Amino acid sequence: MVTVTEVVQKREREQEQESSYYRIEEDCIGCKFCLNICTWDALDAYGREEKVFQIDGQLCPGCGCCAACCPVDAIRKG
């Protein structure tokens, strides 16, 4: 018999795995188009001169706007 707690824990693990829809590759040129277009505030710039970007998998809905606007196709699904 499966308990409610086990079901909830399983779902939480699945959500963690699903949480990162897109990733930013090394060929990112730091143009910040993705940062400016994301209405979910799922992207964050950090590092020296804020030219390193990260996608927050908990905020990203997977809409693909960031990938669509990238001039060098540095944002890929997965």
Protein backbone atom coordinates (compact mmCIF):
# COMPACT_ATOMS: atom_id res chain seq x y z
CA MET A 1 0.00 0.00 0.00
CA VAL A 2 1.25 3.46 -0.93
CA THR A 3 0.87 6.25 1.60
CA VAL A 4 -0.12 9.83 0.82
CA THR A 5 3.31 10.97 2.01
CA GLU A 6 5.03 8.68 -0.49
CA VAL A 7 2.87 10.00 -3.32
CA VAL A 8 3.63 13.60 -2.37
CA GLN A 9 7.36 12.91 -2.09
CA LYS A 10 7.37 11.20 -5.49
CA ARG A 11 5.59 14.15 -7.09
CA GLU A 12 8.03 16.61 -5.50
CA ARG A 13 10.97 14.65 -6.96
CA GLU A 14 9.31 14.66 -10.38
CA GLN A 15 8.75 18.42 -10.20
CA GLU A 16 12.40 19.00 -9.33
CA GLN A 17 13.43 17.05 -12.42
CA GLU A 18 10.93 18.92 -14.63
CA SER A 19 11.80 22.33 -13.21
CA SER A 20 14.54 23.21 -15.69
CA TYR A 21 12.90 23.61 -19.09
CA TYR A 22 15.72 25.56 -20.72
CA ARG A 23 19.43 25.98 -20.21
CA ILE A 24 21.86 28.67 -21.34
CA GLU A 25 24.86 27.36 -23.25
CA GLU A 26 28.43 28.67 -23.26
CA ASP A 27 27.94 30.44 -26.59
CA CYS A 28 25.82 33.10 -24.84
CA ILE A 29 27.08 36.57 -25.83
CA GLY A 30 25.52 38.40 -22.88
CA CYS A 31 23.13 40.57 -24.90
CA LYS A 32 20.44 40.35 -22.17
CA PHE A 33 17.57 40.03 -24.66
CA CYS A 34 16.35 36.98 -22.74
CA LEU A 35 16.58 38.79 -19.42
CA ASN A 36 14.49 41.67 -20.74
CA ILE A 37 11.84 39.55 -22.47
CA CYS A 38 11.09 37.11 -19.64
CA THR A 39 7.89 38.25 -17.96
CA TRP A 40 8.29 35.54 -15.31
CA ASP A 41 11.62 36.93 -13.99
CA ALA A 42 13.03 33.43 -14.37
CA LEU A 43 16.42 34.65 -15.64
CA ASP A 44 19.12 36.15 -13.52
CA ALA A 45 22.41 37.82 -14.44
CA TYR A 46 25.41 37.48 -12.19
CA GLY A 47 29.18 37.47 -12.23
CA ARG A 48 31.54 40.19 -13.26
CA GLU A 49 29.67 42.72 -15.40
CA GLU A 50 26.55 40.55 -15.01
CA LYS A 51 27.22 38.67 -18.24
CA VAL A 52 26.62 35.18 -16.90
CA PHE A 53 22.99 34.08 -16.94
CA GLN A 54 21.03 31.43 -15.14
CA ILE A 55 17.45 30.23 -15.53
CA ASP A 56 15.55 29.60 -12.31
CA GLY A 57 13.78 26.32 -12.95
CA GLN A 58 11.21 27.05 -10.25
CA LEU A 59 10.07 30.24 -12.00
CA CYS A 60 10.45 29.18 -15.63
CA PRO A 61 7.10 28.11 -17.12
CA GLY A 62 8.76 26.71 -20.24
CA CYS A 63 7.16 29.20 -22.62
CA GLY A 64 10.28 29.47 -24.82
CA CYS A 65 10.27 33.26 -25.23
CA CYS A 66 13.88 33.47 -24.06
CA ALA A 67 15.02 30.85 -26.57
CA ALA A 68 13.05 32.47 -29.39
CA CYS A 69 14.65 35.88 -28.86
CA CYS A 70 18.25 34.66 -28.51
CA PRO A 71 20.25 35.92 -31.51
CA VAL A 72 22.85 33.13 -31.22
CA ASP A 73 20.55 30.26 -30.19
CA ALA A 74 22.38 29.86 -26.88
CA ILE A 75 19.22 28.89 -24.98
CA ARG A 76 18.18 25.32 -25.55
CA LYS A 77 15.50 23.05 -24.23
CA GLY A 78 16.59 20.45 -21.76
